[in-house]
C-alpha cells in the first residue's frame, strides 16, 4: 500500500459514515411517516403487521453501526495524525495533516496553512515529497498492509 492510499482511508471512512447517516435518516423518515391503524376494512395477508417494530429495530441497528463506525474513524484519525507527526519536516506534516485529516483543498492549504507564503504548485511539490518521506518512515507498516483497504 502506498502512503497516499493509506492516508486516503480517512476520507473513505468519512464517506462511509455519511452514507450510514443518510441510511439511518431514511429509516427514521419511514418511522415518522407511518400512520397508525387505519379505520378502513382489513384484508388478511401474510405481510409483516409490525412495521413499526421492524423499523424501530432497523433504526436501532443503524444507530449502533453508525456509532461503531464513528468510534473507528476517530481512532483511525488519531493513528494517522500520529504517523504524520512522525515526519521530520514540519511543513510536510502540515501539508499532509491539512489534506488528509482536514480535507483542505490545495488552494486553502497554500492560503491558510502557510499564509499565502507558497503557491499551489509549491504545495503540490511539498505534498509529493511529504508522501515520499511518509513512505520511507512507515515502509514496514505500509508493506505489511499490502492490498488491505478501508472498510
N, C-alpha and C. Protein backbone atom coordinates (compact mmCIF):
# COMPACT_ATOMS: atom_id res chain seq x y z
N UNK A 1 0.85 -1.17 0.00
CA UNK A 1 0.00 0.00 0.00
C UNK A 1 0.90 1.24 0.00
N UNK A 2 0.48 2.24 -0.74
CA UNK A 2 1.26 3.48 -0.78
C UNK A 2 0.82 4.38 0.38
N UNK A 3 1.63 5.39 0.64
CA UNK A 3 1.30 6.37 1.68
C UNK A 3 -0.02 7.05 1.34
N UNK A 4 -0.19 7.42 0.09
CA UNK A 4 -1.41 8.12 -0.33
C UNK A 4 -2.64 7.23 -0.12
N UNK A 5 -2.55 5.95 -0.48
CA UNK A 5 -3.68 5.03 -0.27
C UNK A 5 -4.01 4.91 1.22
N UNK A 6 -2.98 4.82 2.03
CA UNK A 6 -3.19 4.73 3.48
C UNK A 6 -3.89 5.97 4.00
N UNK A 7 -3.38 7.13 3.62
CA UNK A 7 -3.92 8.40 4.12
C UNK A 7 -5.34 8.64 3.60
N UNK A 8 -5.63 8.20 2.39
CA UNK A 8 -6.96 8.40 1.82
C UNK A 8 -8.03 7.56 2.51
N UNK A 9 -7.63 6.60 3.31
CA UNK A 9 -8.60 5.79 4.03
C UNK A 9 -9.43 6.62 5.00
N UNK A 10 -8.88 7.74 5.47
CA UNK A 10 -9.64 8.61 6.36
C UNK A 10 -10.88 9.13 5.62
N UNK A 11 -10.68 9.59 4.40
CA UNK A 11 -11.80 10.12 3.60
C UNK A 11 -12.79 9.01 3.27
N UNK A 12 -12.30 7.82 3.00
CA UNK A 12 -13.18 6.69 2.70
C UNK A 12 -14.06 6.37 3.91
N UNK A 13 -13.45 6.37 5.09
CA UNK A 13 -14.21 6.11 6.32
C UNK A 13 -15.24 7.22 6.57
N UNK A 14 -14.87 8.47 6.30
CA UNK A 14 -15.81 9.59 6.46
C UNK A 14 -16.99 9.42 5.50
N UNK A 15 -16.72 9.00 4.26
CA UNK A 15 -17.79 8.80 3.28
C UNK A 15 -18.73 7.69 3.74
N UNK A 16 -18.17 6.63 4.30
CA UNK A 16 -18.99 5.52 4.80
C UNK A 16 -19.93 6.02 5.91
N UNK A 17 -19.42 6.85 6.80
CA UNK A 17 -20.23 7.40 7.88
C UNK A 17 -21.35 8.28 7.32
N UNK A 18 -21.04 9.10 6.33
CA UNK A 18 -22.07 9.94 5.72
C UNK A 18 -23.17 9.08 5.10
N UNK A 19 -22.79 8.00 4.45
CA UNK A 19 -23.78 7.09 3.86
C UNK A 19 -24.63 6.43 4.94
N UNK A 20 -23.99 5.99 6.02
CA UNK A 20 -24.74 5.38 7.12
C UNK A 20 -25.71 6.37 7.75
N UNK A 21 -25.30 7.63 7.87
CA UNK A 21 -26.19 8.66 8.41
C UNK A 21 -27.42 8.84 7.52
N UNK A 22 -27.16 8.89 6.20
CA UNK A 22 -28.27 9.04 5.26
C UNK A 22 -29.23 7.84 5.36
N UNK A 23 -28.66 6.65 5.45
CA UNK A 23 -29.48 5.44 5.58
C UNK A 23 -30.33 5.50 6.84
N UNK A 24 -29.71 5.90 7.93
CA UNK A 24 -30.43 6.00 9.21
C UNK A 24 -31.53 7.04 9.12
N UNK A 25 -31.25 8.18 8.52
CA UNK A 25 -32.25 9.22 8.36
C UNK A 25 -33.42 8.74 7.51
N UNK A 26 -33.13 7.91 6.52
CA UNK A 26 -34.18 7.35 5.68
C UNK A 26 -35.11 6.44 6.49
N UNK A 27 -34.51 5.61 7.34
CA UNK A 27 -35.31 4.73 8.19
C UNK A 27 -36.14 5.57 9.16
N UNK A 28 -35.54 6.61 9.72
CA UNK A 28 -36.27 7.48 10.64
C UNK A 28 -37.44 8.17 9.94
N UNK A 29 -37.21 8.59 8.70
CA UNK A 29 -38.29 9.23 7.93
C UNK A 29 -39.45 8.26 7.73
N UNK A 30 -39.13 7.00 7.47
CA UNK A 30 -40.19 6.00 7.32
C UNK A 30 -40.94 5.81 8.64
N UNK A 31 -40.19 5.81 9.74
CA UNK A 31 -40.84 5.67 11.05
C UNK A 31 -41.86 6.78 11.29
N UNK A 32 -41.48 7.99 10.98
CA UNK A 32 -42.35 9.13 11.23
C UNK A 32 -43.51 9.20 10.25
N UNK A 33 -43.34 8.62 9.06
CA UNK A 33 -44.40 8.70 8.07
C UNK A 33 -45.45 7.61 8.23
N UNK A 34 -45.11 6.58 9.01
CA UNK A 34 -46.08 5.51 9.20
C UNK A 34 -47.28 6.03 9.99
N UNK A 35 -48.41 5.76 9.47
CA UNK A 35 -49.59 6.19 10.21
C UNK A 35 -50.04 5.07 11.13
N UNK A 36 -50.90 5.40 12.07
CA UNK A 36 -51.42 4.40 12.99
C UNK A 36 -52.38 3.47 12.27
N UNK A 37 -53.18 2.78 13.03
CA UNK A 37 -54.15 1.86 12.43
C UNK A 37 -55.14 2.63 11.57
N UNK A 38 -55.44 2.05 10.44
CA UNK A 38 -56.43 2.69 9.58
C UNK A 38 -57.82 2.23 9.99
N UNK A 39 -58.80 3.05 9.71
CA UNK A 39 -60.18 2.71 10.04
C UNK A 39 -60.83 1.91 8.93
N UNK A 40 -60.11 1.74 7.85
CA UNK A 40 -60.67 1.03 6.70
C UNK A 40 -60.79 -0.46 6.94
N UNK A 41 -61.32 -1.11 5.95
CA UNK A 41 -61.52 -2.55 6.01
C UNK A 41 -60.19 -3.26 5.94
N UNK A 42 -60.00 -4.29 6.75
CA UNK A 42 -58.73 -5.02 6.78
C UNK A 42 -58.84 -6.27 5.93
N UNK A 43 -57.77 -6.54 5.24
CA UNK A 43 -57.69 -7.76 4.43
C UNK A 43 -56.56 -8.58 5.01
N UNK A 44 -56.84 -9.86 5.22
CA UNK A 44 -55.83 -10.73 5.81
C UNK A 44 -54.74 -11.00 4.78
N UNK A 45 -53.49 -10.88 5.22
CA UNK A 45 -52.36 -11.17 4.35
C UNK A 45 -51.22 -11.69 5.20
N UNK A 46 -50.19 -12.15 4.53
CA UNK A 46 -49.03 -12.68 5.25
C UNK A 46 -47.96 -11.62 5.44
N UNK A 47 -48.29 -10.37 5.18
CA UNK A 47 -47.32 -9.29 5.32
C UNK A 47 -46.99 -9.05 6.78
N UNK A 48 -45.91 -8.35 6.99
CA UNK A 48 -45.46 -8.01 8.33
C UNK A 48 -46.41 -6.97 8.93
N UNK A 49 -47.11 -7.34 9.99
CA UNK A 49 -48.06 -6.43 10.62
C UNK A 49 -47.38 -5.50 11.63
N UNK A 50 -46.15 -5.81 12.01
CA UNK A 50 -45.44 -4.97 12.97
C UNK A 50 -44.40 -4.13 12.25
N UNK A 51 -44.87 -3.33 11.29
CA UNK A 51 -43.96 -2.50 10.51
C UNK A 51 -43.18 -1.55 11.41
N UNK A 52 -43.90 -0.98 12.36
CA UNK A 52 -43.27 -0.03 13.27
C UNK A 52 -42.16 -0.69 14.08
N UNK A 53 -42.43 -1.87 14.61
CA UNK A 53 -41.42 -2.60 15.38
C UNK A 53 -40.21 -2.96 14.54
N UNK A 54 -40.45 -3.38 13.31
CA UNK A 54 -39.36 -3.72 12.39
C UNK A 54 -38.51 -2.49 12.09
N UNK A 55 -39.17 -1.37 11.83
CA UNK A 55 -38.43 -0.14 11.53
C UNK A 55 -37.65 0.35 12.75
N UNK A 56 -38.25 0.25 13.94
CA UNK A 56 -37.52 0.63 15.15
C UNK A 56 -36.27 -0.24 15.32
N UNK A 57 -36.43 -1.51 15.05
CA UNK A 57 -35.30 -2.44 15.16
C UNK A 57 -34.21 -2.07 14.16
N UNK A 58 -34.61 -1.78 12.92
CA UNK A 58 -33.62 -1.39 11.90
C UNK A 58 -32.96 -0.07 12.25
N UNK A 59 -33.73 0.85 12.79
CA UNK A 59 -33.18 2.14 13.20
C UNK A 59 -32.16 1.96 14.32
N UNK A 60 -32.48 1.10 15.28
CA UNK A 60 -31.56 0.83 16.38
C UNK A 60 -30.28 0.19 15.86
N UNK A 61 -30.43 -0.74 14.93
CA UNK A 61 -29.27 -1.41 14.33
C UNK A 61 -28.41 -0.39 13.57
N UNK A 62 -29.04 0.50 12.82
CA UNK A 62 -28.32 1.54 12.07
C UNK A 62 -27.60 2.48 13.03
N UNK A 63 -28.23 2.80 14.13
CA UNK A 63 -27.62 3.68 15.14
C UNK A 63 -26.36 3.04 15.73
N UNK A 64 -26.44 1.77 16.05
CA UNK A 64 -25.28 1.06 16.62
C UNK A 64 -24.14 0.98 15.61
N UNK A 65 -24.48 0.69 14.36
CA UNK A 65 -23.45 0.61 13.32
C UNK A 65 -22.79 1.97 13.11
N UNK A 66 -23.60 3.02 13.08
CA UNK A 66 -23.08 4.37 12.92
C UNK A 66 -22.15 4.74 14.07
N UNK A 67 -22.56 4.47 15.30
CA UNK A 67 -21.73 4.76 16.47
C UNK A 67 -20.40 4.02 16.39
N UNK A 68 -20.45 2.77 15.98
CA UNK A 68 -19.24 1.96 15.86
C UNK A 68 -18.29 2.54 14.80
N UNK A 69 -18.86 2.93 13.67
CA UNK A 69 -18.04 3.50 12.59
C UNK A 69 -17.43 4.83 13.00
N UNK A 70 -18.18 5.64 13.72
CA UNK A 70 -17.66 6.93 14.19
C UNK A 70 -16.50 6.71 15.15
N UNK A 71 -16.67 5.78 16.07
CA UNK A 71 -15.59 5.47 17.02
C UNK A 71 -14.36 4.96 16.27
N UNK A 72 -14.57 4.12 15.28
CA UNK A 72 -13.47 3.60 14.47
C UNK A 72 -12.76 4.72 13.73
N UNK A 73 -13.53 5.65 13.17
CA UNK A 73 -12.95 6.78 12.45
C UNK A 73 -12.12 7.66 13.38
N UNK A 74 -12.64 7.96 14.54
CA UNK A 74 -11.91 8.80 15.50
C UNK A 74 -10.57 8.16 15.84
N UNK A 75 -10.59 6.87 16.14
CA UNK A 75 -9.36 6.17 16.50
C UNK A 75 -8.38 6.15 15.31
N UNK A 76 -8.92 5.93 14.11
CA UNK A 76 -8.07 5.89 12.92
C UNK A 76 -7.46 7.26 12.63
N UNK A 77 -8.25 8.33 12.79
CA UNK A 77 -7.73 9.68 12.57
C UNK A 77 -6.59 9.99 13.55
N UNK A 78 -6.75 9.57 14.79
CA UNK A 78 -5.70 9.78 15.78
C UNK A 78 -4.44 9.02 15.37
N UNK A 79 -4.62 7.78 14.93
CA UNK A 79 -3.47 6.96 14.48
C UNK A 79 -2.77 7.61 13.29
N UNK A 80 -3.54 8.04 12.29
CA UNK A 80 -2.97 8.65 11.09
C UNK A 80 -2.26 9.96 11.46
N UNK A 81 -2.89 10.75 12.31
CA UNK A 81 -2.29 12.01 12.73
C UNK A 81 -0.96 11.78 13.44
N UNK A 82 -0.91 10.79 14.29
CA UNK A 82 0.35 10.46 14.98
C UNK A 82 1.43 10.05 13.98
N UNK A 83 1.04 9.27 13.00
CA UNK A 83 2.01 8.84 12.00
C UNK A 83 2.50 10.02 11.15
N UNK A 84 1.61 10.93 10.82
CA UNK A 84 2.00 12.13 10.09
C UNK A 84 2.97 12.95 10.94
N UNK A 85 2.72 13.04 12.23
CA UNK A 85 3.57 13.84 13.12
C UNK A 85 4.94 13.22 13.35
N UNK A 86 5.17 12.02 12.85
CA UNK A 86 6.49 11.40 12.95
C UNK A 86 7.42 11.87 11.83
N UNK A 87 6.89 12.62 10.86
CA UNK A 87 7.74 13.13 9.80
C UNK A 87 8.74 14.12 10.40
N UNK A 88 9.85 14.29 9.73
CA UNK A 88 10.91 15.15 10.24
C UNK A 88 10.73 16.61 9.82
N UNK A 89 10.03 16.83 8.72
CA UNK A 89 9.85 18.17 8.19
C UNK A 89 8.47 18.70 8.60
N UNK A 90 8.46 19.80 9.34
CA UNK A 90 7.21 20.37 9.85
C UNK A 90 6.28 20.81 8.72
N UNK A 91 6.83 21.30 7.64
CA UNK A 91 6.00 21.72 6.50
C UNK A 91 5.30 20.52 5.88
N UNK A 92 6.00 19.40 5.80
CA UNK A 92 5.39 18.18 5.26
C UNK A 92 4.26 17.70 6.18
N UNK A 93 4.51 17.79 7.48
CA UNK A 93 3.46 17.40 8.43
C UNK A 93 2.21 18.26 8.21
N UNK A 94 2.43 19.57 8.05
CA UNK A 94 1.31 20.49 7.86
C UNK A 94 0.53 20.16 6.60
N UNK A 95 1.22 19.93 5.50
CA UNK A 95 0.55 19.63 4.23
C UNK A 95 -0.27 18.36 4.34
N UNK A 96 0.31 17.28 4.88
CA UNK A 96 -0.42 16.02 4.99
C UNK A 96 -1.58 16.12 5.96
N UNK A 97 -1.39 16.81 7.06
CA UNK A 97 -2.46 16.96 8.04
C UNK A 97 -3.62 17.76 7.44
N UNK A 98 -3.31 18.86 6.80
CA UNK A 98 -4.36 19.69 6.19
C UNK A 98 -5.11 18.92 5.11
N UNK A 99 -4.39 18.14 4.32
CA UNK A 99 -5.01 17.44 3.19
C UNK A 99 -5.80 16.20 3.62
N UNK A 100 -5.22 15.38 4.48
CA UNK A 100 -5.82 14.07 4.77
C UNK A 100 -6.60 13.98 6.08
N UNK A 101 -6.40 14.92 6.97
CA UNK A 101 -7.17 14.93 8.22
C UNK A 101 -8.29 15.97 8.14
N UNK A 102 -7.97 17.12 7.53
CA UNK A 102 -8.95 18.22 7.46
C UNK A 102 -9.54 18.41 6.07
N UNK A 103 -9.09 17.62 5.08
CA UNK A 103 -9.64 17.60 3.71
C UNK A 103 -9.64 18.98 3.05
N UNK A 104 -8.58 19.73 3.29
CA UNK A 104 -8.47 21.06 2.70
C UNK A 104 -8.03 20.97 1.24
N UNK A 105 -8.50 21.91 0.44
CA UNK A 105 -8.07 21.98 -0.96
C UNK A 105 -6.63 22.49 -1.01
N UNK A 106 -5.99 22.30 -2.16
CA UNK A 106 -4.61 22.78 -2.31
C UNK A 106 -4.56 24.30 -2.12
N UNK A 107 -5.55 24.98 -2.67
CA UNK A 107 -5.59 26.44 -2.55
C UNK A 107 -5.72 26.87 -1.09
N UNK A 108 -6.58 26.18 -0.36
CA UNK A 108 -6.80 26.51 1.05
C UNK A 108 -5.54 26.23 1.87
N UNK A 109 -4.84 25.16 1.54
CA UNK A 109 -3.59 24.84 2.26
C UNK A 109 -2.58 25.97 2.03
N UNK A 110 -2.43 26.38 0.77
CA UNK A 110 -1.47 27.45 0.45
C UNK A 110 -1.87 28.75 1.14
N UNK A 111 -3.17 29.01 1.14
CA UNK A 111 -3.68 30.27 1.67
C UNK A 111 -3.65 30.33 3.20
N UNK A 112 -4.16 29.32 3.85
CA UNK A 112 -4.32 29.41 5.30
C UNK A 112 -3.21 28.74 6.10
N UNK A 113 -2.74 27.60 5.64
CA UNK A 113 -1.72 26.89 6.42
C UNK A 113 -0.36 27.57 6.32
N UNK A 114 -0.13 28.25 5.21
CA UNK A 114 1.17 28.90 5.01
C UNK A 114 1.04 30.39 4.73
N UNK A 115 -0.11 30.98 5.03
CA UNK A 115 -0.34 32.42 4.88
C UNK A 115 0.07 32.95 3.50
N UNK A 116 -0.34 32.25 2.47
CA UNK A 116 -0.03 32.63 1.08
C UNK A 116 1.48 32.73 0.82
N UNK A 117 2.24 32.04 1.65
CA UNK A 117 3.70 32.07 1.51
C UNK A 117 4.14 31.25 0.29
N UNK A 118 3.35 30.22 -0.06
CA UNK A 118 3.71 29.33 -1.16
C UNK A 118 2.59 29.27 -2.19
N UNK A 119 2.97 29.00 -3.42
CA UNK A 119 1.98 28.81 -4.48
C UNK A 119 1.39 27.40 -4.37
N UNK A 120 0.28 27.20 -5.03
CA UNK A 120 -0.34 25.87 -5.06
C UNK A 120 0.64 24.88 -5.67
N UNK A 121 1.34 25.30 -6.69
CA UNK A 121 2.32 24.42 -7.35
C UNK A 121 3.39 23.97 -6.34
N UNK A 122 3.84 24.88 -5.49
CA UNK A 122 4.84 24.53 -4.48
C UNK A 122 4.25 23.59 -3.43
N UNK A 123 2.99 23.82 -3.06
CA UNK A 123 2.31 22.93 -2.10
C UNK A 123 2.22 21.52 -2.68
N UNK A 124 1.90 21.42 -3.96
CA UNK A 124 1.82 20.10 -4.61
C UNK A 124 3.18 19.40 -4.60
N UNK A 125 4.23 20.17 -4.82
CA UNK A 125 5.58 19.60 -4.79
C UNK A 125 5.90 19.12 -3.37
N UNK A 126 5.58 19.95 -2.36
CA UNK A 126 5.81 19.55 -0.97
C UNK A 126 5.00 18.30 -0.63
N UNK A 127 3.78 18.22 -1.14
CA UNK A 127 2.92 17.06 -0.90
C UNK A 127 3.59 15.78 -1.40
N UNK A 128 4.13 15.84 -2.61
CA UNK A 128 4.82 14.68 -3.17
C UNK A 128 6.02 14.28 -2.33
N UNK A 129 6.78 15.24 -1.89
CA UNK A 129 7.94 14.96 -1.05
C UNK A 129 7.51 14.44 0.33
N UNK A 130 6.42 14.98 0.84
CA UNK A 130 5.90 14.53 2.13
C UNK A 130 5.46 13.07 2.05
N UNK A 131 4.81 12.71 0.94
CA UNK A 131 4.39 11.31 0.77
C UNK A 131 5.60 10.38 0.71
N UNK A 132 6.66 10.84 0.04
CA UNK A 132 7.89 10.03 -0.03
C UNK A 132 8.49 9.84 1.36
N UNK A 133 8.53 10.91 2.15
CA UNK A 133 9.07 10.81 3.50
C UNK A 133 8.18 9.91 4.36
N UNK A 134 6.86 10.04 4.22
CA UNK A 134 5.92 9.19 4.97
C UNK A 134 6.17 7.72 4.63
N UNK A 135 6.31 7.44 3.34
CA UNK A 135 6.55 6.05 2.92
C UNK A 135 7.87 5.52 3.46
N UNK A 136 8.89 6.36 3.48
CA UNK A 136 10.19 5.93 3.98
C UNK A 136 10.12 5.63 5.48
N UNK A 137 9.49 6.49 6.23
CA UNK A 137 9.41 6.31 7.68
C UNK A 137 8.52 5.12 8.04
N UNK A 138 7.44 4.94 7.28
CA UNK A 138 6.44 3.91 7.63
C UNK A 138 6.43 2.74 6.64
N UNK A 139 7.56 2.48 5.98
CA UNK A 139 7.59 1.45 4.94
C UNK A 139 7.20 0.07 5.48
N UNK A 140 7.61 -0.27 6.69
CA UNK A 140 7.27 -1.58 7.24
C UNK A 140 5.76 -1.72 7.44
N UNK A 141 5.15 -0.69 8.00
CA UNK A 141 3.71 -0.71 8.22
C UNK A 141 2.97 -0.79 6.88
N UNK A 142 3.35 0.03 5.92
CA UNK A 142 2.68 0.08 4.63
C UNK A 142 2.84 -1.23 3.85
N UNK A 143 4.03 -1.81 3.90
CA UNK A 143 4.22 -3.08 3.19
C UNK A 143 3.45 -4.20 3.84
N UNK A 144 3.29 -4.13 5.16
CA UNK A 144 2.51 -5.13 5.89
C UNK A 144 1.03 -5.05 5.59
N UNK A 145 0.57 -3.88 5.13
CA UNK A 145 -0.84 -3.70 4.82
C UNK A 145 -1.19 -4.23 3.44
N UNK A 146 -0.21 -4.33 2.57
CA UNK A 146 -0.45 -4.86 1.24
C UNK A 146 -1.62 -4.21 0.56
N UNK A 147 -2.57 -5.03 0.13
CA UNK A 147 -3.73 -4.54 -0.60
C UNK A 147 -4.93 -4.28 0.29
N UNK A 148 -4.72 -4.28 1.61
CA UNK A 148 -5.85 -4.09 2.53
C UNK A 148 -6.44 -2.70 2.34
N UNK A 149 -7.74 -2.66 2.25
CA UNK A 149 -8.45 -1.39 2.06
C UNK A 149 -9.29 -1.07 3.28
N UNK A 150 -9.69 0.18 3.35
CA UNK A 150 -10.55 0.61 4.47
C UNK A 150 -11.90 -0.07 4.35
N UNK A 151 -12.52 -0.27 5.49
CA UNK A 151 -13.83 -0.90 5.43
C UNK A 151 -14.68 -0.56 6.58
